[in-house]
Amino acid sequence: MTKHYFIAIKVPQQVANAIIQQRDKTNLRQTHKILPVTEDLHITLYYLGNVADSRLEQIIHSLHHLEWEPFELTTQGVAHFGSEATPRVVYTALEKSNLLQLLQQKIVQQLAEIIDLQKKSEFTAHITIAKKWASKESVHLTEFTLPDLTFNVLNFSIYTINANQSPRYEEISTIQWGRGGKNGPTC
């Protein structure tokens, strides 16, 4: 079985717990097939898909030398992709962050030097809380009353997907903030 990978920011435990508590007040368990567990909440920066081991090593090495600044992110309620009544993805939204956008762009630029990139739509930072519509009833999100929560981003990671496990996402390398790879790889 081929392994698939993505680059993401892990949501801190305290914030993830608050998001899951709010999600559990809704009917998303009845309307969607996949509801990520607390440990799997993240903000995808780039989905890599299947990558050869040698290319993955290059990507990891390259990202450890990426220069970027730490920043804060703040949650901003709930939103969705797809129709309002039957959304394919429901997520916790984030306030716009120029530093997050810049980090994502830098990652894409680094990747473009190593692999052929898929054409992607515009980057929308979000934390998926439910996906894959599976119901005849409409979704009800009025009970989702998450206050704005702020957290620091000091690292991001490369994950592999273990579809038949929980949690599904396994960190294989973490890139700590530190100018030009001062901290070095942590695999």
C-alpha atoms as a PDB file:
ATOM      1  CA  MET A   1       0.000   0.000   0.000  1.00  0.00           C
ATOM      2  CA  THR A   2       1.379   3.398  -0.961  1.00  0.00           C
ATOM      3  CA  LYS A   3       1.832   6.040   1.690  1.00  0.00           C
ATOM      4  CA  HIS A   4       0.430   9.523   1.298  1.00  0.00           C
ATOM      5  CA  TYR A   5       1.838  12.623   2.970  1.00  0.00           C
ATOM      6  CA  PHE A   6       0.869  16.204   3.771  1.00  0.00           C
ATOM      7  CA  ILE A   7       2.407  19.239   5.472  1.00  0.00           C
ATOM      8  CA  ALA A   8       0.405  20.807   8.296  1.00  0.00           C
ATOM      9  CA  ILE A   9       0.279  22.774  11.518  1.00  0.00           C
ATOM     10  CA  LYS A  10      -0.959  20.694  14.438  1.00  0.00           C
ATOM     11  CA  VAL A  11      -3.710  22.331  16.490  1.00  0.00           C
ATOM     12  CA  PRO A  12      -2.630  22.571  20.163  1.00  0.00           C
ATOM     13  CA  GLN A  13      -4.386  20.103  22.476  1.00  0.00           C
ATOM     14  CA  GLN A  14      -6.294  22.725  24.482  1.00  0.00           C
ATOM     15  CA  VAL A  15      -7.696  24.382  21.340  1.00  0.00           C
ATOM     16  CA  ALA A  16      -8.463  20.995  19.750  1.00  0.00           C
ATOM     17  CA  ASN A  17     -10.368  19.901  22.872  1.00  0.00           C
ATOM     18  CA  ALA A  18     -12.488  23.077  22.787  1.00  0.00           C
ATOM     19  CA  ILE A  19     -13.264  22.578  19.078  1.00  0.00           C
ATOM     20  CA  ILE A  20     -14.309  18.945  19.603  1.00  0.00           C
ATOM     21  CA  GLN A  21     -16.528  19.921  22.567  1.00  0.00           C
ATOM     22  CA  GLN A  22     -18.355  22.410  20.345  1.00  0.00           C
ATOM     23  CA  ARG A  23     -18.584  19.952  17.434  1.00  0.00           C
ATOM     24  CA  ASP A  24     -20.218  17.418  19.744  1.00  0.00           C
ATOM     25  CA  LYS A  25     -23.056  19.897  20.417  1.00  0.00           C
ATOM     26  CA  THR A  26     -24.047  19.717  16.720  1.00  0.00           C
ATOM     27  CA  ASN A  27     -25.551  16.922  14.632  1.00  0.00           C
ATOM     28  CA  LEU A  28     -22.349  16.384  12.615  1.00  0.00           C
ATOM     29  CA  ARG A  29     -22.037  12.796  13.931  1.00  0.00           C
ATOM     30  CA  GLN A  30     -25.296  12.030  12.145  1.00  0.00           C
ATOM     31  CA  THR A  31     -24.565  13.953   8.936  1.00  0.00           C
ATOM     32  CA  HIS A  32     -20.924  13.120   8.120  1.00  0.00           C
ATOM     33  CA  LYS A  33     -18.896   9.915   7.700  1.00  0.00           C
ATOM     34  CA  ILE A  34     -15.561  11.223   9.004  1.00  0.00           C
ATOM     35  CA  LEU A  35     -15.116  13.229  12.211  1.00  0.00           C
ATOM     36  CA  PRO A  36     -11.420  13.669  13.069  1.00  0.00           C
ATOM     37  CA  VAL A  37     -10.323  12.843  16.612  1.00  0.00           C
ATOM     38  CA  THR A  38      -8.738  15.568  18.750  1.00  0.00           C
ATOM     39  CA  GLU A  39      -5.176  14.405  17.960  1.00  0.00           C
ATOM     40  CA  ASP A  40      -5.815  14.693  14.209  1.00  0.00           C
ATOM     41  CA  LEU A  41      -6.934  18.345  14.097  1.00  0.00           C
ATOM     42  CA  HIS A  42      -4.571  20.339  11.903  1.00  0.00           C
ATOM     43  CA  ILE A  43      -4.256  23.098   9.301  1.00  0.00           C
ATOM     44  CA  THR A  44      -3.078  21.644   6.001  1.00  0.00           C
ATOM     45  CA  LEU A  45      -0.381  23.718   4.324  1.00  0.00           C
ATOM     46  CA  TYR A  46       0.104  21.373   1.349  1.00  0.00           C
ATOM     47  CA  TYR A  47      -1.113  17.890   0.427  1.00  0.00           C
ATOM     48  CA  LEU A  48       1.769  15.936  -1.096  1.00  0.00           C
ATOM     49  CA  GLY A  49       0.034  12.641  -1.867  1.00  0.00           C
ATOM     50  CA  ASN A  50       2.257   9.691  -2.733  1.00  0.00           C
ATOM     51  CA  VAL A  51       5.938  10.677  -2.729  1.00  0.00           C
ATOM     52  CA  ALA A  52       8.976   8.449  -3.336  1.00  0.00           C
ATOM     53  CA  ASP A  53      11.194   7.966  -0.255  1.00  0.00           C
ATOM     54  CA  SER A  54      14.148   9.769  -1.866  1.00  0.00           C
ATOM     55  CA  ARG A  55      11.977  12.773  -2.749  1.00  0.00           C
ATOM     56  CA  LEU A  56      10.470  12.776   0.751  1.00  0.00           C
ATOM     57  CA  GLU A  57      13.972  12.970   2.260  1.00  0.00           C
ATOM     58  CA  GLN A  58      14.747  15.934  -0.033  1.00  0.00           C
ATOM     59  CA  ILE A  59      11.509  17.654   0.987  1.00  0.00           C
ATOM     60  CA  ILE A  60      12.214  17.164   4.691  1.00  0.00           C
ATOM     61  CA  HIS A  61      15.782  18.423   4.335  1.00  0.00           C
ATOM     62  CA  SER A  62      14.661  21.437   2.301  1.00  0.00           C
ATOM     63  CA  LEU A  63      11.877  22.419   4.713  1.00  0.00           C
ATOM     64  CA  HIS A  64      14.257  22.306   7.673  1.00  0.00           C
ATOM     65  CA  HIS A  65      16.204  25.118   5.980  1.00  0.00           C
ATOM     66  CA  LEU A  66      13.167  27.271   5.259  1.00  0.00           C
ATOM     67  CA  GLU A  67      13.268  30.744   6.820  1.00  0.00           C
ATOM     68  CA  TRP A  68       9.991  31.805   8.400  1.00  0.00           C
ATOM     69  CA  GLU A  69       8.678  33.733  11.377  1.00  0.00           C
ATOM     70  CA  PRO A  70       6.544  32.339  14.219  1.00  0.00           C
ATOM     71  CA  PHE A  71       3.030  33.772  14.398  1.00  0.00           C
ATOM     72  CA  GLU A  72      -0.326  33.567  16.128  1.00  0.00           C
ATOM     73  CA  LEU A  73      -3.546  32.140  14.720  1.00  0.00           C
ATOM     74  CA  THR A  74      -7.053  32.781  16.012  1.00  0.00           C
ATOM     75  CA  THR A  75     -10.102  30.611  15.433  1.00  0.00           C
ATOM     76  CA  GLN A  76     -13.156  32.341  14.048  1.00  0.00           C
ATOM     77  CA  GLY A  77     -16.304  30.249  14.308  1.00  0.00           C
ATOM     78  CA  VAL A  78     -17.507  27.532  11.966  1.00  0.00           C
ATOM     79  CA  ALA A  79     -17.754  27.479   8.156  1.00  0.00           C
ATOM     80  CA  HIS A  80     -18.084  24.923   5.356  1.00  0.00           C
ATOM     81  CA  PHE A  81     -17.207  23.924   1.797  1.00  0.00           C
ATOM     82  CA  GLY A  82     -20.188  22.947  -0.333  1.00  0.00           C
ATOM     83  CA  SER A  83     -23.863  23.699   0.127  1.00  0.00           C
ATOM     84  CA  GLU A  84     -25.065  25.132   3.428  1.00  0.00           C
ATOM     85  CA  ALA A  85     -27.639  22.384   4.001  1.00  0.00           C
ATOM     86  CA  THR A  86     -25.382  19.483   2.969  1.00  0.00           C
ATOM     87  CA  PRO A  87     -21.746  20.654   3.224  1.00  0.00           C
ATOM     88  CA  ARG A  88     -19.045  18.213   2.108  1.00  0.00           C
ATOM     89  CA  VAL A  89     -16.607  19.676   4.676  1.00  0.00           C
ATOM     90  CA  VAL A  90     -17.349  21.535   7.923  1.00  0.00           C
ATOM     91  CA  TYR A  91     -14.451  23.379   9.525  1.00  0.00           C
ATOM     92  CA  THR A  92     -13.331  25.802  12.191  1.00  0.00           C
ATOM     93  CA  ALA A  93     -12.409  28.996  10.391  1.00  0.00           C
ATOM     94  CA  LEU A  94      -9.321  31.089  11.129  1.00  0.00           C
ATOM     95  CA  GLU A  95      -8.771  34.839  11.080  1.00  0.00           C
ATOM     96  CA  LYS A  96      -6.725  35.935   8.082  1.00  0.00           C
ATOM     97  CA  SER A  97      -3.006  35.773   8.799  1.00  0.00           C
ATOM     98  CA  ASN A  98      -0.455  37.227   6.409  1.00  0.00           C
ATOM     99  CA  LEU A  99       2.341  35.266   8.088  1.00  0.00           C
ATOM    100  CA  LEU A 100       0.417  31.989   7.611  1.00  0.00           C
ATOM    101  CA  GLN A 101      -0.156  32.832   3.936  1.00  0.00           C
ATOM    102  CA  LEU A 102       3.539  33.668   3.547  1.00  0.00           C
ATOM    103  CA  LEU A 103       4.617  30.389   5.186  1.00  0.00           C
ATOM    104  CA  GLN A 104       2.318  28.399   2.913  1.00  0.00           C
ATOM    105  CA  GLN A 105       3.679  30.208  -0.170  1.00  0.00           C
ATOM    106  CA  LYS A 106       7.290  29.586   0.918  1.00  0.00           C
ATOM    107  CA  ILE A 107       6.548  25.890   1.389  1.00  0.00           C
ATOM    108  CA  VAL A 108       5.012  25.673  -2.092  1.00  0.00           C
ATOM    109  CA  GLN A 109       8.058  27.453  -3.580  1.00  0.00           C
ATOM    110  CA  GLN A 110      10.427  25.003  -1.846  1.00  0.00           C
ATOM    111  CA  LEU A 111       8.374  22.024  -3.016  1.00  0.00           C
ATOM    112  CA  ALA A 112       8.315  23.280  -6.615  1.00  0.00           C
ATOM    113  CA  GLU A 113      12.109  22.901  -6.710  1.00  0.00           C
ATOM    114  CA  ILE A 114      11.842  19.208  -5.778  1.00  0.00           C
ATOM    115  CA  ILE A 115       8.580  17.780  -7.140  1.00  0.00           C
ATOM    116  CA  ASP A 116       5.956  18.527  -9.765  1.00  0.00           C
ATOM    117  CA  LEU A 117       3.153  20.301  -7.967  1.00  0.00           C
ATOM    118  CA  GLN A 118      -0.505  19.711  -8.655  1.00  0.00           C
ATOM    119  CA  LYS A 119      -2.401  22.830  -9.655  1.00  0.00           C
ATOM    120  CA  LYS A 120      -4.129  23.917  -6.474  1.00  0.00           C
ATOM    121  CA  SER A 121      -7.010  26.218  -5.765  1.00  0.00           C
ATOM    122  CA  GLU A 122      -6.508  29.222  -3.519  1.00  0.00           C
ATOM    123  CA  PHE A 123      -5.250  28.363  -0.024  1.00  0.00           C
ATOM    124  CA  THR A 124      -8.034  28.552   2.579  1.00  0.00           C
ATOM    125  CA  ALA A 125      -6.656  27.967   6.067  1.00  0.00           C
ATOM    126  CA  HIS A 126      -9.073  25.831   8.082  1.00  0.00           C
ATOM    127  CA  ILE A 127      -9.395  23.056  10.681  1.00  0.00           C
ATOM    128  CA  THR A 128     -11.613  20.253   9.347  1.00  0.00           C
ATOM    129  CA  ILE A 129     -14.072  18.975  11.962  1.00  0.00           C
ATOM    130  CA  ALA A 130     -16.297  16.819   9.696  1.00  0.00           C
ATOM    131  CA  LYS A 131     -16.192  15.587   6.104  1.00  0.00           C
ATOM    132  CA  LYS A 132     -17.932  13.266   3.650  1.00  0.00           C
ATOM    133  CA  TRP A 133     -21.666  13.964   3.703  1.00  0.00           C
ATOM    134  CA  ALA A 134     -23.709  10.896   4.696  1.00  0.00           C
ATOM    135  CA  SER A 135     -27.263  11.917   5.587  1.00  0.00           C
ATOM    136  CA  LYS A 136     -30.709  12.874   4.369  1.00  0.00           C
ATOM    137  CA  GLU A 137     -31.180  15.506   7.092  1.00  0.00           C
ATOM    138  CA  SER A 138     -29.689  19.011   7.057  1.00  0.00           C
ATOM    139  CA  VAL A 139     -26.729  19.973   9.178  1.00  0.00           C
ATOM    140  CA  HIS A 140     -27.415  22.133  12.263  1.00  0.00           C
ATOM    141  CA  LEU A 141     -24.498  24.259  13.442  1.00  0.00           C
ATOM    142  CA  THR A 142     -26.265  26.829  15.651  1.00  0.00           C
ATOM    143  CA  GLU A 143     -24.975  25.083  18.775  1.00  0.00           C
ATOM    144  CA  PHE A 144     -21.336  25.527  17.627  1.00  0.00           C
ATOM    145  CA  THR A 145     -20.423  28.560  19.765  1.00  0.00           C
ATOM    146  CA  LEU A 146     -16.634  28.356  19.935  1.00  0.00           C
ATOM    147  CA  PRO A 147     -15.117  31.570  21.311  1.00  0.00           C
ATOM    148  CA  ASP A 148     -12.161  32.971  19.371  1.00  0.00           C
ATOM    149  CA  LEU A 149      -9.089  31.058  20.574  1.00  0.00           C
ATOM    150  CA  THR A 150      -5.543  32.228  19.850  1.00  0.00           C
ATOM    151  CA  PHE A 151      -2.474  30.003  19.693  1.00  0.00           C
ATOM    152  CA  ASN A 152       1.179  30.312  18.685  1.00  0.00           C
ATOM    153  CA  VAL A 153       2.646  28.559  15.658  1.00  0.00           C
ATOM    154  CA  LEU A 154       6.278  27.652  16.344  1.00  0.00           C
ATOM    155  CA  ASN A 155       6.467  24.573  14.119  1.00  0.00           C
ATOM    156  CA  PHE A 156       4.799  22.569  11.384  1.00  0.00           C
ATOM    157  CA  SER A 157       5.134  18.916  10.440  1.00  0.00           C
ATOM    158  CA  ILE A 158       5.084  16.377   7.660  1.00  0.00           C
ATOM    159  CA  TYR A 159       2.500  13.684   8.284  1.00  0.00           C
ATOM    160  CA  THR A 160       1.696  10.328   6.780  1.00  0.00           C
ATOM    161  CA  ILE A 161      -1.863   9.049   6.605  1.00  0.00           C
ATOM    162  CA  ASN A 162      -2.786   5.754   8.288  1.00  0.00           C
ATOM    163  CA  ALA A 163      -6.351   5.351   7.014  1.00  0.00           C
ATOM    164  CA  ASN A 164      -7.242   2.369   9.214  1.00  0.00           C
ATOM    165  CA  GLN A 165      -5.936   3.750  12.508  1.00  0.00           C
ATOM    166  CA  SER A 166      -7.010   6.343  15.052  1.00  0.00           C
ATOM    167  CA  PRO A 167      -5.460   8.842  15.189  1.00  0.00           C
ATOM    168  CA  ARG A 168      -5.095   8.673  11.387  1.00  0.00           C
ATOM    169  CA  TYR A 169      -2.193  11.092  10.994  1.00  0.00           C
ATOM    170  CA  GLU A 170       1.354  10.265  12.058  1.00  0.00           C
ATOM    171  CA  GLU A 171       4.031  12.941  12.353  1.00  0.00           C
ATOM    172  CA  ILE A 172       7.196  11.858  10.566  1.00  0.00           C
ATOM    173  CA  SER A 173       9.174  15.100  10.839  1.00  0.00           C
ATOM    174  CA  THR A 174       8.684  18.398  12.660  1.00  0.00           C
ATOM    175  CA  ILE A 175      10.127  21.666  11.416  1.00  0.00           C
ATOM    176  CA  GLN A 176      10.748  24.019  14.341  1.00  0.00           C
ATOM    177  CA  TRP A 177      10.945  27.745  13.889  1.00  0.00           C
ATOM    178  CA  GLY A 178      14.578  28.763  13.702  1.00  0.00           C
ATOM    179  CA  ARG A 179      16.178  30.819  11.011  1.00  0.00           C
ATOM    180  CA  GLY A 180      17.538  28.755   8.162  1.00  0.00           C
ATOM    181  CA  GLY A 181      17.468  25.401   9.898  1.00  0.00           C
ATOM    182  CA  LYS A 182      19.422  26.418  13.006  1.00  0.00           C
ATOM    183  CA  ASN A 183      17.488  23.806  14.945  1.00  0.00           C
ATOM    184  CA  GLY A 184      18.241  21.102  12.377  1.00  0.00           C
ATOM    185  CA  PRO A 185      16.043  18.167  11.425  1.00  0.00           C
ATOM    186  CA  THR A 186      13.966  16.318  14.006  1.00  0.00           C
ATOM    187  CA  CYS A 187      12.884  13.063  12.426  1.00  0.00           C
END
